[in-house]
Amino acid sequence: MKAALISLGSVSSQMTAEAMKKYFDQVDMIQLKNIEVNLGKEAGIYYNGEPFSQYDCVFLKGSFRYAHLLRSIAALLEGRVPYMPLPANSFSTVHNKLLTHLILQQHNIPMPRTYISSTISAAKDLLKKVNYPIVMKFPEGTQGKGVMFADSISSASSLLDALGALNQPFIIQEYIETNGSDIRAIVVGDKVVAAYRRKAQKEDKRSNIHAGGTGEVVTLSREISKIAVDTAKALEVDICGIDILESPLGPLVIEANLSPGLQGVTKVSTIDVADEIAKYLYRRTKEVVEKHRKRASDEVMREISIDNTEKERWQQIISSLTFRGERIILPEFVTKITQFSDQKEYVIKAEKGKVEIEEFKL
């Protein structure tokens, strides 16, 4: 089976691609910036000017800045590629913190109290009602960028004035005191394969490793593991990072990441997360490809009337062969058409590229 990993070429992507080579027959690392998407009557995807190849599995990764391109690529590949762990709509929803929180709300996922306002003046009225400190975020951003903290109404008002000048939407969220730490859980399929606690530097409240935070291995409670997996399911993604705060009232989800870095968790954990992702991609791809083949075989069987003796003697289908060691396992439709039985003997003639089997008769 062939797989492609489309990314910006990060270290985490390289780690994942190398792990995938242990399972897939071919793995291509594709630079996201070199992909072109054409829409309209001649819609298509081109890589370095050439039509995009056919793959059994495509894993798309990239930052929020490329969300529209990633969604466009995934949308055109859906239906062509048997398996992609991240559907097209996820690149619009998960890369946007506001849309993410709306989905969490719809699925009753616990999260900090969050506020959205239409104007700066409305937001200033809101600042009179909230408890401090608060967190102010841009809907888009990763690695702790675009996250600000205000410990009083005056500092929050000053931030609002600056945000107003930038003419950008923003989110106001209650601040949960955790001594500058949070949990990053890596969800793959229906389980958390690894998790670690991130701790912010003393002068910073952002625990992101890219923002200077440190990490330590952590064993998750059943409750936190379930919340992480439920969040991934709500967002309809098979692979992602879920960031969780351990608040006095219980775990709260603050963010999801479609392209979580693997360096931090790899340093502190004994689990090979890249390998866990690669194994899952291979297993799911194999399941989907085999399901497609069975569906195609069933379609052929429906078109074949075994009992109709007036039909042609030979029926044909183009199919790959399944091997068990050095033995060939024939497709199911062959047995049904020929009505071969293990109670009879057969003459088998073979030459390069050709096999003939017929019932032995005295």
Protein backbone atom coordinates (compact mmCIF):
# COMPACT_ATOMS: atom_id res chain seq x y z
CA MET A 1 0.00 0.00 0.00
CA LYS A 2 1.10 3.55 -0.76
CA ALA A 3 0.94 6.43 1.69
CA ALA A 4 1.70 10.14 1.54
CA LEU A 5 2.41 12.57 4.38
CA ILE A 6 1.73 16.14 3.31
CA SER A 7 3.29 18.70 5.65
CA LEU A 8 5.63 21.66 6.03
CA GLY A 9 8.49 19.25 6.73
CA SER A 10 8.62 19.59 10.52
CA VAL A 11 10.71 17.27 12.67
CA SER A 12 7.51 15.59 13.93
CA SER A 13 6.40 14.97 10.35
CA GLN A 14 9.75 13.45 9.47
CA MET A 15 9.56 11.19 12.54
CA THR A 16 6.10 10.02 11.52
CA ALA A 17 7.06 9.42 7.89
CA GLU A 18 10.07 7.33 8.91
CA ALA A 19 7.87 5.23 11.18
CA MET A 20 5.30 4.76 8.38
CA LYS A 21 8.01 3.26 6.15
CA LYS A 22 8.09 0.23 8.46
CA TYR A 23 4.51 -0.63 7.51
CA PHE A 24 3.58 0.79 4.11
CA ASP A 25 5.17 -0.39 0.85
CA GLN A 26 5.82 3.22 -0.16
CA VAL A 27 5.75 6.48 1.81
CA ASP A 28 6.17 9.86 0.12
CA MET A 29 6.99 13.04 2.05
CA ILE A 30 5.24 15.87 0.21
CA GLN A 31 5.94 19.55 0.83
CA LEU A 32 2.66 21.38 1.42
CA LYS A 33 3.99 24.64 -0.05
CA ASN A 34 4.58 22.92 -3.40
CA ILE A 35 0.96 21.82 -3.81
CA GLU A 36 -1.44 23.67 -6.09
CA VAL A 37 -5.21 23.22 -6.00
CA ASN A 38 -7.31 23.97 -9.07
CA LEU A 39 -11.06 24.41 -8.65
CA GLY A 40 -13.80 24.60 -11.27
CA LYS A 41 -14.43 22.40 -14.29
CA GLU A 42 -10.85 21.12 -14.30
CA ALA A 43 -10.56 20.67 -10.54
CA GLY A 44 -7.43 18.86 -9.46
CA ILE A 45 -4.39 18.76 -7.21
CA TYR A 46 -0.89 19.27 -8.55
CA TYR A 47 2.45 18.69 -6.87
CA ASN A 48 5.46 20.43 -8.43
CA GLY A 49 3.31 20.98 -11.51
CA GLU A 50 2.39 17.30 -11.94
CA PRO A 51 -0.99 15.66 -11.19
CA PHE A 52 -1.14 14.32 -7.65
CA SER A 53 -0.50 10.57 -7.48
CA GLN A 54 -2.97 7.98 -6.23
CA TYR A 55 -2.47 6.84 -2.63
CA ASP A 56 -4.20 4.47 -0.24
CA CYS A 57 -3.55 6.78 2.72
CA VAL A 58 -2.91 10.52 2.93
CA PHE A 59 -2.00 12.19 6.24
CA LEU A 60 -2.33 15.98 5.99
CA LYS A 61 -0.55 18.22 8.51
CA GLY A 62 0.07 21.95 8.74
CA SER A 63 -0.42 25.07 10.83
CA PHE A 64 -3.54 27.26 10.99
CA ARG A 65 -2.02 29.58 8.37
CA TYR A 66 -2.60 26.86 5.78
CA ALA A 67 -6.07 25.83 6.99
CA HIS A 68 -7.83 26.84 3.75
CA LEU A 69 -5.28 25.05 1.56
CA LEU A 70 -5.39 21.94 3.76
CA ARG A 71 -9.19 21.87 3.61
CA SER A 72 -9.16 22.31 -0.16
CA ILE A 73 -6.70 19.44 -0.63
CA ALA A 74 -8.64 17.14 1.70
CA ALA A 75 -11.97 18.00 0.06
CA LEU A 76 -10.69 17.05 -3.40
CA LEU A 77 -9.06 13.86 -2.09
CA GLU A 78 -12.14 12.63 -0.23
CA GLY A 79 -13.64 9.86 -2.33
CA ARG A 80 -10.35 9.32 -4.17
CA VAL A 81 -8.19 8.26 -1.23
CA PRO A 82 -9.45 5.27 0.77
CA TYR A 83 -8.32 6.63 4.14
CA MET A 84 -7.44 10.02 5.61
CA PRO A 85 -7.33 10.44 9.42
CA LEU A 86 -8.33 14.10 9.19
CA PRO A 87 -11.46 15.00 7.15
CA ALA A 88 -11.68 18.23 5.17
CA ASN A 89 -13.99 20.05 7.62
CA SER A 90 -11.59 19.50 10.54
CA PHE A 91 -9.06 21.96 9.10
CA SER A 92 -11.63 24.75 9.39
CA THR A 93 -13.05 23.80 12.78
CA VAL A 94 -10.05 22.58 14.80
CA HIS A 95 -7.74 25.31 13.52
CA ASN A 96 -10.23 27.85 14.87
CA LYS A 97 -10.52 28.01 18.67
CA LEU A 98 -13.98 29.59 18.52
CA LEU A 99 -15.41 26.86 16.30
CA THR A 100 -13.67 24.25 18.44
CA HIS A 101 -15.32 25.58 21.60
CA LEU A 102 -18.72 25.61 19.87
CA ILE A 103 -18.32 21.91 19.03
CA LEU A 104 -17.21 21.15 22.60
CA GLN A 105 -20.32 22.94 23.85
CA GLN A 106 -22.57 20.91 21.53
CA HIS A 107 -21.07 17.63 22.78
CA ASN A 108 -21.04 18.57 26.48
CA ILE A 109 -17.23 18.44 26.71
CA PRO A 110 -16.11 20.30 29.88
CA MET A 111 -14.22 23.54 29.16
CA PRO A 112 -13.50 26.86 30.90
CA ARG A 113 -16.26 29.47 30.86
CA THR A 114 -15.88 31.24 27.51
CA TYR A 115 -17.28 34.53 26.21
CA ILE A 116 -17.65 36.01 22.74
CA SER A 117 -18.70 39.58 21.97
CA SER A 118 -19.54 41.37 18.75
CA THR A 119 -17.80 44.72 19.44
CA ILE A 120 -15.11 46.25 21.64
CA SER A 121 -17.71 48.27 23.56
CA ALA A 122 -19.75 45.13 24.22
CA ALA A 123 -16.60 43.36 25.38
CA LYS A 124 -15.81 46.20 27.82
CA ASP A 125 -19.26 45.82 29.32
CA LEU A 126 -18.55 42.10 29.65
CA LEU A 127 -15.28 42.84 31.49
CA LYS A 128 -17.31 44.35 34.35
CA LYS A 129 -19.05 41.01 34.96
CA VAL A 130 -16.21 38.47 34.79
CA ASN A 131 -13.85 37.30 37.49
CA TYR A 132 -10.13 38.02 37.15
CA PRO A 133 -7.66 37.04 35.94
CA ILE A 134 -8.92 36.22 32.43
CA VAL A 135 -7.44 34.85 29.24
CA MET A 136 -7.87 36.59 25.88
CA LYS A 137 -7.22 34.63 22.70
CA PHE A 138 -7.24 35.08 18.97
CA PRO A 139 -9.35 32.33 17.37
CA GLU A 140 -6.37 31.25 15.29
CA GLY A 141 -2.86 30.54 16.53
CA THR A 142 -0.64 27.75 17.78
CA GLN A 143 2.26 27.17 20.17
CA GLY A 144 0.82 29.65 22.68
CA LYS A 145 0.89 32.56 20.23
CA GLY A 146 -2.08 34.91 20.35
CA VAL A 147 -2.83 34.11 24.02
CA MET A 148 -2.87 37.04 26.48
CA PHE A 149 -3.57 37.33 30.21
CA ALA A 150 -5.19 40.17 32.14
CA ASP A 151 -5.37 40.32 35.94
CA SER A 152 -7.62 43.39 36.22
CA ILE A 153 -10.29 45.28 34.32
CA SER A 154 -7.82 48.07 33.51
CA SER A 155 -5.25 45.74 31.94
CA ALA A 156 -8.03 43.88 30.09
CA SER A 157 -9.40 47.19 28.73
CA SER A 158 -5.93 48.14 27.48
CA LEU A 159 -5.65 44.80 25.68
CA LEU A 160 -9.10 45.33 24.16
CA ASP A 161 -8.04 48.69 22.76
CA ALA A 162 -5.00 47.05 21.16
CA LEU A 163 -7.14 44.24 19.76
CA GLY A 164 -9.55 46.81 18.38
CA ALA A 165 -6.72 48.46 16.47
CA LEU A 166 -5.80 45.08 14.98
CA ASN A 167 -9.41 44.59 13.89
CA GLN A 168 -9.34 40.90 14.84
CA PRO A 169 -12.00 38.80 16.56
CA PHE A 170 -11.12 37.45 19.98
CA ILE A 171 -12.31 35.15 22.75
CA ILE A 172 -12.48 35.94 26.48
CA GLN A 173 -12.08 32.97 28.81
CA GLU A 174 -11.90 32.48 32.55
CA TYR A 175 -8.42 31.79 33.86
CA ILE A 176 -7.97 28.45 35.63
CA GLU A 177 -5.14 28.42 38.17
CA THR A 178 -2.99 25.32 37.65
CA ASN A 179 0.41 26.78 38.57
CA GLY A 180 1.16 27.23 34.87
CA SER A 181 0.70 23.58 33.89
CA ASP A 182 -1.56 21.63 31.58
CA ILE A 183 -1.78 18.15 30.09
CA ARG A 184 -1.20 17.32 26.43
CA ALA A 185 -2.85 14.00 25.51
CA ILE A 186 -2.04 12.45 22.13
CA VAL A 187 -5.16 10.70 20.84
CA VAL A 188 -4.76 8.07 18.12
CA GLY A 189 -7.97 6.33 17.13
CA ASP A 190 -10.00 5.42 20.18
CA LYS A 191 -7.29 5.77 22.82
CA VAL A 192 -4.68 8.08 24.32
CA VAL A 193 -1.33 6.63 23.27
CA ALA A 194 0.78 9.04 25.33
CA ALA A 195 0.43 12.07 27.58
CA TYR A 196 2.66 14.51 29.40
CA ARG A 197 2.29 17.45 31.76
CA ARG A 198 3.66 20.75 30.47
CA LYS A 199 4.92 23.36 32.92
CA ALA A 200 5.35 27.04 32.05
CA GLN A 201 8.45 29.06 32.90
CA LYS A 202 8.10 31.22 36.00
CA GLU A 203 7.78 34.44 34.02
CA ASP A 204 5.25 32.95 31.58
CA LYS A 205 1.80 31.42 31.96
CA ARG A 206 1.95 29.53 28.64
CA SER A 207 2.93 25.91 29.14
CA ASN A 208 3.60 25.17 25.46
CA ILE A 209 6.99 23.55 24.87
CA HIS A 210 7.55 25.92 21.94
CA ALA A 211 7.00 28.82 24.36
CA GLY A 212 9.73 27.58 26.69
CA GLY A 213 7.72 25.22 28.84
CA THR A 214 9.05 21.93 30.18
CA GLY A 215 7.44 18.50 30.15
CA GLU A 216 7.16 15.46 32.40
CA VAL A 217 5.49 12.10 31.88
CA VAL A 218 2.05 11.69 33.43
CA THR A 219 -0.35 8.79 33.90
CA LEU A 220 -3.86 9.92 33.07
CA SER A 221 -6.92 9.07 35.08
CA ARG A 222 -9.71 7.20 33.32
CA GLU A 223 -11.80 10.39 33.39
CA ILE A 224 -9.17 12.52 31.62
CA SER A 225 -8.45 9.81 29.04
CA LYS A 226 -12.17 9.55 28.25
CA ILE A 227 -12.53 13.31 27.91
CA ALA A 228 -9.57 13.44 25.50
CA VAL A 229 -10.97 10.63 23.32
CA ASP A 230 -14.50 12.10 23.44
CA THR A 231 -13.09 15.45 22.30
CA ALA A 232 -11.35 13.88 19.31
CA LYS A 233 -14.56 12.05 18.38
CA ALA A 234 -16.60 15.25 18.69
CA LEU A 235 -14.15 16.97 16.34
CA GLU A 236 -14.35 13.92 14.00
CA VAL A 237 -10.58 13.39 13.84
CA ASP A 238 -8.59 10.18 14.34
CA ILE A 239 -5.26 11.78 15.33
CA CYS A 240 -4.78 14.94 17.38
CA GLY A 241 -3.39 16.50 20.54
CA ILE A 242 -5.86 17.54 23.26
CA ASP A 243 -4.83 20.14 25.87
CA ILE A 244 -6.51 19.76 29.26
CA LEU A 245 -6.38 21.76 32.51
CA GLU A 246 -6.68 20.00 35.86
CA SER A 247 -9.02 22.40 37.64
CA PRO A 248 -10.45 22.07 41.16
CA LEU A 249 -13.81 21.25 39.54
CA GLY A 250 -12.36 18.59 37.23
CA PRO A 251 -10.61 18.35 33.84
CA LEU A 252 -11.32 21.13 31.32
CA VAL A 253 -10.42 21.04 27.63
CA ILE A 254 -8.84 24.27 26.42
CA GLU A 255 -7.63 23.40 22.93
CA ALA A 256 -7.11 20.74 20.24
CA ASN A 257 -4.18 20.49 17.84
CA LEU A 258 -4.28 18.64 14.50
CA SER A 259 -0.50 18.67 14.19
CA PRO A 260 0.87 18.11 17.71
CA GLY A 261 4.63 18.21 18.10
CA LEU A 262 6.20 14.87 18.99
CA GLN A 263 9.57 16.07 20.29
CA GLY A 264 8.24 17.04 23.74
CA VAL A 265 6.38 13.81 24.44
CA THR A 266 9.21 11.72 22.96
CA LYS A 267 11.73 13.27 25.38
CA VAL A 268 9.77 12.37 28.49
CA SER A 269 7.92 9.21 27.45
CA THR A 270 9.09 5.66 26.75
CA ILE A 271 6.36 5.34 24.12
CA ASP A 272 7.28 5.73 20.45
CA VAL A 273 4.37 7.99 19.51
CA ALA A 274 5.40 8.25 15.85
CA ASP A 275 5.31 4.46 15.62
CA GLU A 276 1.89 4.34 17.31
CA ILE A 277 0.57 6.79 14.72
CA ALA A 278 2.16 4.86 11.85
CA LYS A 279 0.74 1.52 13.01
CA TYR A 280 -2.72 3.01 13.35
CA LEU A 281 -2.57 4.60 9.88
CA TYR A 282 -1.53 1.26 8.36
CA ARG A 283 -4.19 -0.75 10.20
CA ARG A 284 -7.03 1.64 9.33
CA THR A 285 -5.90 1.95 5.72
CA LYS A 286 -5.76 -1.83 5.36
CA GLU A 287 -9.26 -2.16 6.82
CA VAL A 288 -10.72 0.44 4.47
CA VAL A 289 -8.92 -0.88 1.37
CA GLU A 290 -10.07 -4.44 2.05
CA LYS A 291 -13.62 -3.21 2.65
CA HIS A 292 -13.56 -1.42 -0.71
CA ARG A 293 -12.29 -4.55 -2.43
CA LYS A 294 -15.00 -6.68 -0.85
CA ARG A 295 -17.63 -4.16 -1.91
CA ALA A 296 -16.30 -4.30 -5.47
CA SER A 297 -16.34 -8.10 -5.38
CA ASP A 298 -19.91 -8.12 -4.07
CA GLU A 299 -20.93 -5.84 -6.93
CA VAL A 300 -19.43 -8.29 -9.40
CA MET A 301 -21.20 -11.21 -7.74
CA ARG A 302 -24.53 -9.46 -8.01
CA GLU A 303 -23.99 -9.08 -11.73
CA ILE A 304 -23.05 -12.72 -12.18
CA SER A 305 -25.87 -15.24 -12.42
CA ILE A 306 -24.27 -18.54 -11.47
CA ASP A 307 -27.36 -20.57 -12.27
CA ASN A 308 -27.83 -19.12 -15.75
CA THR A 309 -26.28 -21.77 -18.02
CA GLU A 310 -26.92 -19.65 -21.09
CA LYS A 311 -24.24 -17.18 -20.00
CA GLU A 312 -20.70 -17.30 -21.23
CA ARG A 313 -18.58 -20.14 -19.91
CA TRP A 314 -15.91 -17.76 -18.61
CA GLN A 315 -16.47 -14.87 -16.21
CA GLN A 316 -13.73 -12.32 -15.62
CA ILE A 317 -12.71 -9.86 -12.95
CA ILE A 318 -9.57 -7.76 -12.58
CA SER A 319 -8.23 -8.18 -9.07
CA SER A 320 -4.98 -8.37 -7.12
CA LEU A 321 -4.00 -11.75 -5.64
CA THR A 322 -3.85 -12.56 -1.95
CA PHE A 323 -0.87 -14.63 -0.81
CA ARG A 324 -0.45 -16.72 2.31
CA GLY A 325 3.25 -17.50 2.33
CA GLU A 326 3.93 -19.08 -1.08
CA ARG A 327 0.26 -19.99 -1.65
CA ILE A 328 -2.29 -18.06 -3.71
CA ILE A 329 -5.74 -17.52 -2.15
CA LEU A 330 -8.33 -17.20 -4.93
CA PRO A 331 -11.19 -14.64 -4.66
CA GLU A 332 -14.52 -15.90 -3.33
CA PHE A 333 -16.35 -15.49 -6.65
CA VAL A 334 -14.06 -18.15 -8.24
CA THR A 335 -15.30 -20.79 -5.81
CA LYS A 336 -18.93 -19.82 -6.36
CA ILE A 337 -18.74 -19.86 -10.16
CA THR A 338 -16.69 -23.06 -10.52
CA GLN A 339 -18.48 -24.84 -7.66
CA PHE A 340 -15.16 -26.51 -6.78
CA SER A 341 -15.33 -28.96 -3.89
CA ASP A 342 -12.71 -30.34 -1.53
CA GLN A 343 -14.27 -33.79 -2.17
CA LYS A 344 -13.04 -33.88 -5.77
CA GLU A 345 -9.69 -33.94 -7.54
CA TYR A 346 -8.48 -31.36 -10.05
CA VAL A 347 -5.91 -31.00 -12.79
CA ILE A 348 -3.82 -27.85 -12.36
CA LYS A 349 -1.80 -26.54 -15.27
CA ALA A 350 0.57 -23.65 -14.69
CA GLU A 351 3.01 -21.62 -16.68
CA LYS A 352 4.49 -18.17 -16.19
CA GLY A 353 1.64 -15.68 -15.83
CA LYS A 354 -1.13 -18.28 -16.31
CA VAL A 355 -3.00 -20.95 -14.29
CA GLU A 356 -5.72 -23.37 -15.47
CA ILE A 357 -7.71 -25.60 -13.13
CA GLU A 358 -10.29 -28.18 -14.23
CA GLU A 359 -12.04 -31.10 -12.62
CA PHE A 360 -10.31 -34.46 -13.04
CA LYS A 361 -12.56 -37.02 -14.77
CA LEU A 362 -11.75 -40.67 -15.57
